[in-house]
Amino acid sequence: MAREELADRIRTLLPPGLHPREKRMFGGIAFMQDGNMLVCPLKDGALLVRVGKDGMDAALARPGAEIMEMSGRTMGGFVVVSGDAIEDDEDLAGWISTAHAFVRTLPPK
């Protein structure tokens, strides 16, 4: 699935009252709430999800989730979810909700 298709799905699945700003990041569009990243579609159809360091174990236990690495460095608090694991809207909405639950705990930037 292309990034823009995934971004469109995210827009339709956002919980009521959540109106994130869209910002160009990682060659795509990141969805930001109060200046903090929620999710970002990646070029291979995967999804970058912010779960927080305390949420890593639970996130990694879910199907298709892996630790985010960039340039050989692990990015704490972020997971990459494979495109296969978010083909179903319910699964994608679950990841959006997970990200939103964590980002709500952060101060606005």
N, C-alpha and C. Protein backbone atom coordinates (compact mmCIF):
# COMPACT_ATOMS: atom_id res chain seq x y z
N MET A 1 0.85 -1.18 0.00
CA MET A 1 0.00 0.00 0.00
C MET A 1 0.90 1.24 0.00
N ALA A 2 0.56 2.20 -0.82
CA ALA A 2 1.34 3.43 -0.91
C ALA A 2 1.12 4.30 0.32
N ARG A 3 2.12 5.14 0.57
CA ARG A 3 2.04 6.04 1.74
C ARG A 3 0.78 6.88 1.75
N GLU A 4 0.45 7.45 0.59
CA GLU A 4 -0.71 8.36 0.55
C GLU A 4 -2.01 7.60 0.83
N GLU A 5 -2.10 6.37 0.33
CA GLU A 5 -3.28 5.54 0.63
C GLU A 5 -3.40 5.29 2.13
N LEU A 6 -2.28 4.98 2.75
CA LEU A 6 -2.28 4.73 4.19
C LEU A 6 -2.62 6.01 4.95
N ALA A 7 -2.09 7.14 4.49
CA ALA A 7 -2.42 8.42 5.13
C ALA A 7 -3.92 8.70 5.02
N ASP A 8 -4.52 8.39 3.87
CA ASP A 8 -5.96 8.58 3.71
C ASP A 8 -6.75 7.69 4.68
N ARG A 9 -6.31 6.45 4.83
CA ARG A 9 -6.98 5.56 5.78
C ARG A 9 -6.87 6.10 7.20
N ILE A 10 -5.70 6.62 7.55
CA ILE A 10 -5.51 7.19 8.89
C ILE A 10 -6.48 8.34 9.10
N ARG A 11 -6.59 9.22 8.11
CA ARG A 11 -7.50 10.37 8.24
C ARG A 11 -8.93 9.92 8.52
N THR A 12 -9.37 8.85 7.87
CA THR A 12 -10.75 8.40 8.07
C THR A 12 -10.95 7.66 9.39
N LEU A 13 -9.86 7.17 9.98
CA LEU A 13 -9.97 6.38 11.21
C LEU A 13 -9.63 7.15 12.48
N LEU A 14 -9.31 8.43 12.34
CA LEU A 14 -8.98 9.22 13.53
C LEU A 14 -10.16 9.25 14.49
N PRO A 15 -9.90 9.08 15.78
CA PRO A 15 -10.99 9.14 16.76
C PRO A 15 -11.67 10.51 16.76
N PRO A 16 -12.95 10.56 17.09
CA PRO A 16 -13.65 11.85 17.16
C PRO A 16 -12.92 12.81 18.10
N GLY A 17 -12.80 14.04 17.68
CA GLY A 17 -12.15 15.06 18.50
C GLY A 17 -10.65 15.14 18.31
N LEU A 18 -10.06 14.18 17.62
CA LEU A 18 -8.62 14.21 17.36
C LEU A 18 -8.40 14.81 15.98
N HIS A 19 -7.72 15.94 15.95
CA HIS A 19 -7.47 16.65 14.70
C HIS A 19 -5.98 16.97 14.59
N PRO A 20 -5.18 15.96 14.29
CA PRO A 20 -3.73 16.20 14.25
C PRO A 20 -3.33 17.06 13.06
N ARG A 21 -2.21 17.73 13.24
CA ARG A 21 -1.60 18.49 12.16
C ARG A 21 -0.76 17.52 11.35
N GLU A 22 -0.68 17.73 10.06
CA GLU A 22 0.14 16.88 9.20
C GLU A 22 1.44 17.62 8.88
N LYS A 23 2.54 16.90 9.03
CA LYS A 23 3.85 17.50 8.82
C LYS A 23 4.71 16.54 8.01
N ARG A 24 5.43 17.07 7.04
CA ARG A 24 6.33 16.25 6.23
C ARG A 24 7.49 15.76 7.08
N MET A 25 7.63 14.44 7.16
CA MET A 25 8.73 13.80 7.90
C MET A 25 9.01 12.45 7.26
N PHE A 26 10.25 12.00 7.34
CA PHE A 26 10.63 10.67 6.87
C PHE A 26 10.18 10.43 5.43
N GLY A 27 10.14 11.49 4.63
CA GLY A 27 9.73 11.36 3.24
C GLY A 27 8.24 11.17 3.05
N GLY A 28 7.47 11.35 4.10
CA GLY A 28 6.02 11.18 4.03
C GLY A 28 5.33 12.20 4.90
N ILE A 29 4.17 11.83 5.39
CA ILE A 29 3.36 12.72 6.22
C ILE A 29 3.24 12.13 7.62
N ALA A 30 3.71 12.87 8.60
CA ALA A 30 3.53 12.46 10.00
C ALA A 30 2.30 13.16 10.55
N PHE A 31 1.57 12.47 11.37
CA PHE A 31 0.39 13.04 12.02
C PHE A 31 0.82 13.46 13.42
N MET A 32 0.69 14.76 13.70
CA MET A 32 1.21 15.36 14.93
C MET A 32 0.05 15.89 15.78
N GLN A 33 0.08 15.61 17.07
CA GLN A 33 -0.89 16.16 18.01
C GLN A 33 -0.15 17.03 19.01
N ASP A 34 -0.47 18.30 19.05
CA ASP A 34 0.19 19.26 19.96
C ASP A 34 1.70 19.23 19.80
N GLY A 35 2.16 19.04 18.56
CA GLY A 35 3.59 19.05 18.26
C GLY A 35 4.29 17.72 18.48
N ASN A 36 3.58 16.70 18.91
CA ASN A 36 4.15 15.38 19.15
C ASN A 36 3.64 14.40 18.10
N MET A 37 4.55 13.60 17.54
CA MET A 37 4.17 12.66 16.50
C MET A 37 3.34 11.51 17.05
N LEU A 38 2.25 11.21 16.35
CA LEU A 38 1.41 10.05 16.65
C LEU A 38 1.87 8.87 15.79
N VAL A 39 1.65 8.99 14.49
CA VAL A 39 1.96 7.94 13.53
C VAL A 39 2.49 8.57 12.25
N CYS A 40 3.19 7.75 11.45
CA CYS A 40 3.71 8.22 10.17
C CYS A 40 3.78 7.03 9.21
N PRO A 41 3.05 7.11 8.09
CA PRO A 41 3.15 6.06 7.08
C PRO A 41 4.56 6.06 6.48
N LEU A 42 5.10 4.88 6.25
CA LEU A 42 6.44 4.74 5.67
C LEU A 42 6.34 4.23 4.23
N LYS A 43 7.43 4.36 3.50
CA LYS A 43 7.40 4.08 2.06
C LYS A 43 7.05 2.64 1.70
N ASP A 44 7.31 1.71 2.57
CA ASP A 44 7.04 0.31 2.26
C ASP A 44 5.66 -0.16 2.71
N GLY A 45 4.80 0.79 3.07
CA GLY A 45 3.45 0.44 3.53
C GLY A 45 3.36 0.17 5.01
N ALA A 46 4.50 0.27 5.68
CA ALA A 46 4.52 0.08 7.14
C ALA A 46 4.11 1.38 7.82
N LEU A 47 3.94 1.32 9.12
CA LEU A 47 3.51 2.47 9.90
C LEU A 47 4.45 2.67 11.08
N LEU A 48 4.97 3.87 11.22
CA LEU A 48 5.76 4.24 12.39
C LEU A 48 4.79 4.73 13.45
N VAL A 49 4.88 4.15 14.64
CA VAL A 49 3.92 4.45 15.72
C VAL A 49 4.68 4.84 16.97
N ARG A 50 4.28 5.95 17.58
CA ARG A 50 4.89 6.37 18.84
C ARG A 50 4.12 5.74 19.99
N VAL A 51 4.82 4.92 20.77
CA VAL A 51 4.16 4.20 21.87
C VAL A 51 4.76 4.56 23.23
N GLY A 52 5.89 5.26 23.25
CA GLY A 52 6.56 5.58 24.50
C GLY A 52 7.40 4.42 24.98
N LYS A 53 8.43 4.72 25.74
CA LYS A 53 9.34 3.67 26.22
C LYS A 53 8.62 2.66 27.11
N ASP A 54 7.69 3.12 27.93
CA ASP A 54 6.96 2.20 28.81
C ASP A 54 5.98 1.31 28.04
N GLY A 55 5.62 1.73 26.84
CA GLY A 55 4.68 0.95 26.04
C GLY A 55 5.32 0.00 25.05
N MET A 56 6.65 -0.05 25.05
CA MET A 56 7.36 -0.86 24.06
C MET A 56 7.05 -2.35 24.17
N ASP A 57 7.10 -2.91 25.36
CA ASP A 57 6.88 -4.35 25.51
C ASP A 57 5.50 -4.77 25.01
N ALA A 58 4.49 -4.02 25.40
CA ALA A 58 3.13 -4.35 24.96
C ALA A 58 2.99 -4.19 23.45
N ALA A 59 3.60 -3.14 22.90
CA ALA A 59 3.52 -2.91 21.45
C ALA A 59 4.23 -4.02 20.69
N LEU A 60 5.40 -4.41 21.15
CA LEU A 60 6.18 -5.44 20.46
C LEU A 60 5.53 -6.82 20.55
N ALA A 61 4.62 -7.00 21.48
CA ALA A 61 3.91 -8.27 21.60
C ALA A 61 2.78 -8.38 20.57
N ARG A 62 2.44 -7.26 19.93
CA ARG A 62 1.36 -7.27 18.94
C ARG A 62 1.91 -7.72 17.58
N PRO A 63 1.06 -8.35 16.76
CA PRO A 63 1.51 -8.85 15.46
C PRO A 63 2.07 -7.75 14.56
N GLY A 64 3.21 -8.04 13.93
CA GLY A 64 3.79 -7.14 12.94
C GLY A 64 4.61 -5.99 13.47
N ALA A 65 4.76 -5.87 14.78
CA ALA A 65 5.49 -4.74 15.36
C ALA A 65 6.96 -5.10 15.58
N GLU A 66 7.82 -4.15 15.25
CA GLU A 66 9.26 -4.30 15.45
C GLU A 66 9.82 -3.00 16.01
N ILE A 67 10.98 -3.10 16.62
CA ILE A 67 11.67 -1.91 17.12
C ILE A 67 12.06 -1.03 15.93
N MET A 68 11.87 0.27 16.07
CA MET A 68 12.25 1.22 15.02
C MET A 68 13.75 1.44 15.06
N GLU A 69 14.39 1.30 13.92
CA GLU A 69 15.81 1.60 13.78
C GLU A 69 15.99 2.59 12.66
N MET A 70 16.86 3.56 12.88
CA MET A 70 17.17 4.54 11.86
C MET A 70 18.68 4.72 11.83
N SER A 71 19.27 4.48 10.69
CA SER A 71 20.73 4.58 10.52
C SER A 71 21.46 3.71 11.54
N GLY A 72 20.90 2.53 11.80
CA GLY A 72 21.53 1.60 12.72
C GLY A 72 21.30 1.87 14.19
N ARG A 73 20.55 2.93 14.50
CA ARG A 73 20.25 3.28 15.90
C ARG A 73 18.81 2.92 16.23
N THR A 74 18.63 2.34 17.40
CA THR A 74 17.29 2.05 17.89
C THR A 74 16.64 3.35 18.35
N MET A 75 15.39 3.55 17.96
CA MET A 75 14.66 4.74 18.40
C MET A 75 13.69 4.31 19.49
N GLY A 76 14.04 4.58 20.73
CA GLY A 76 13.21 4.20 21.87
C GLY A 76 11.84 4.86 21.81
N GLY A 77 10.83 4.10 22.16
CA GLY A 77 9.48 4.65 22.21
C GLY A 77 8.74 4.60 20.89
N PHE A 78 9.39 4.06 19.84
CA PHE A 78 8.76 3.97 18.52
C PHE A 78 8.82 2.54 18.02
N VAL A 79 7.76 2.09 17.37
CA VAL A 79 7.76 0.80 16.70
C VAL A 79 7.35 1.00 15.25
N VAL A 80 7.76 0.06 14.42
CA VAL A 80 7.32 0.00 13.03
C VAL A 80 6.39 -1.20 12.92
N VAL A 81 5.22 -0.96 12.37
CA VAL A 81 4.22 -2.01 12.20
C VAL A 81 4.14 -2.34 10.72
N SER A 82 4.28 -3.61 10.38
CA SER A 82 4.27 -4.03 8.98
C SER A 82 2.92 -3.74 8.33
N GLY A 83 2.97 -3.51 7.03
CA GLY A 83 1.74 -3.24 6.29
C GLY A 83 0.74 -4.38 6.39
N ASP A 84 1.23 -5.62 6.44
CA ASP A 84 0.33 -6.77 6.56
C ASP A 84 -0.47 -6.73 7.86
N ALA A 85 0.13 -6.19 8.91
CA ALA A 85 -0.52 -6.17 10.23
C ALA A 85 -1.55 -5.05 10.37
N ILE A 86 -1.60 -4.15 9.38
CA ILE A 86 -2.57 -3.04 9.46
C ILE A 86 -3.48 -3.00 8.24
N GLU A 87 -3.60 -4.12 7.54
CA GLU A 87 -4.51 -4.18 6.39
C GLU A 87 -5.95 -3.98 6.82
N ASP A 88 -6.29 -4.47 8.00
CA ASP A 88 -7.64 -4.35 8.54
C ASP A 88 -7.78 -2.99 9.24
N ASP A 89 -8.87 -2.28 8.95
CA ASP A 89 -9.08 -0.96 9.55
C ASP A 89 -9.11 -1.01 11.07
N GLU A 90 -9.64 -2.08 11.63
CA GLU A 90 -9.70 -2.21 13.09
C GLU A 90 -8.30 -2.26 13.69
N ASP A 91 -7.40 -2.98 13.02
CA ASP A 91 -6.01 -3.06 13.50
C ASP A 91 -5.31 -1.71 13.39
N LEU A 92 -5.50 -1.03 12.25
CA LEU A 92 -4.90 0.29 12.07
C LEU A 92 -5.45 1.27 13.11
N ALA A 93 -6.75 1.26 13.33
CA ALA A 93 -7.36 2.14 14.33
C ALA A 93 -6.81 1.85 15.72
N GLY A 94 -6.54 0.59 16.01
CA GLY A 94 -5.96 0.23 17.30
C GLY A 94 -4.59 0.85 17.50
N TRP A 95 -3.76 0.86 16.46
CA TRP A 95 -2.45 1.49 16.56
C TRP A 95 -2.56 3.01 16.71
N ILE A 96 -3.50 3.61 16.00
CA ILE A 96 -3.71 5.05 16.14
C ILE A 96 -4.12 5.36 17.58
N SER A 97 -5.00 4.56 18.14
CA SER A 97 -5.45 4.76 19.53
C SER A 97 -4.30 4.57 20.52
N THR A 98 -3.45 3.60 20.27
CA THR A 98 -2.29 3.37 21.13
C THR A 98 -1.38 4.60 21.13
N ALA A 99 -1.11 5.12 19.93
CA ALA A 99 -0.27 6.31 19.82
C ALA A 99 -0.92 7.50 20.51
N HIS A 100 -2.22 7.67 20.31
CA HIS A 100 -2.93 8.80 20.91
C HIS A 100 -2.91 8.70 22.44
N ALA A 101 -3.10 7.50 22.96
CA ALA A 101 -3.08 7.32 24.42
C ALA A 101 -1.73 7.74 25.00
N PHE A 102 -0.64 7.44 24.31
CA PHE A 102 0.67 7.85 24.80
C PHE A 102 0.88 9.35 24.62
N VAL A 103 0.60 9.87 23.45
CA VAL A 103 0.88 11.28 23.16
C VAL A 103 0.07 12.21 24.07
N ARG A 104 -1.10 11.76 24.50
CA ARG A 104 -1.91 12.57 25.44
C ARG A 104 -1.17 12.82 26.75
N THR A 105 -0.21 11.96 27.08
CA THR A 105 0.54 12.12 28.34
C THR A 105 1.68 13.12 28.22
N LEU A 106 1.96 13.57 27.00
CA LEU A 106 3.09 14.48 26.77
C LEU A 106 2.64 15.93 26.79
N PRO A 107 3.53 16.83 27.21
CA PRO A 107 3.20 18.25 27.14
C PRO A 107 3.23 18.72 25.69
N PRO A 108 2.41 19.71 25.35
CA PRO A 108 2.47 20.26 23.99
C PRO A 108 3.84 20.87 23.73
N LYS A 109 4.24 20.83 22.47
CA LYS A 109 5.52 21.45 22.08
C LYS A 109 5.26 22.82 21.50
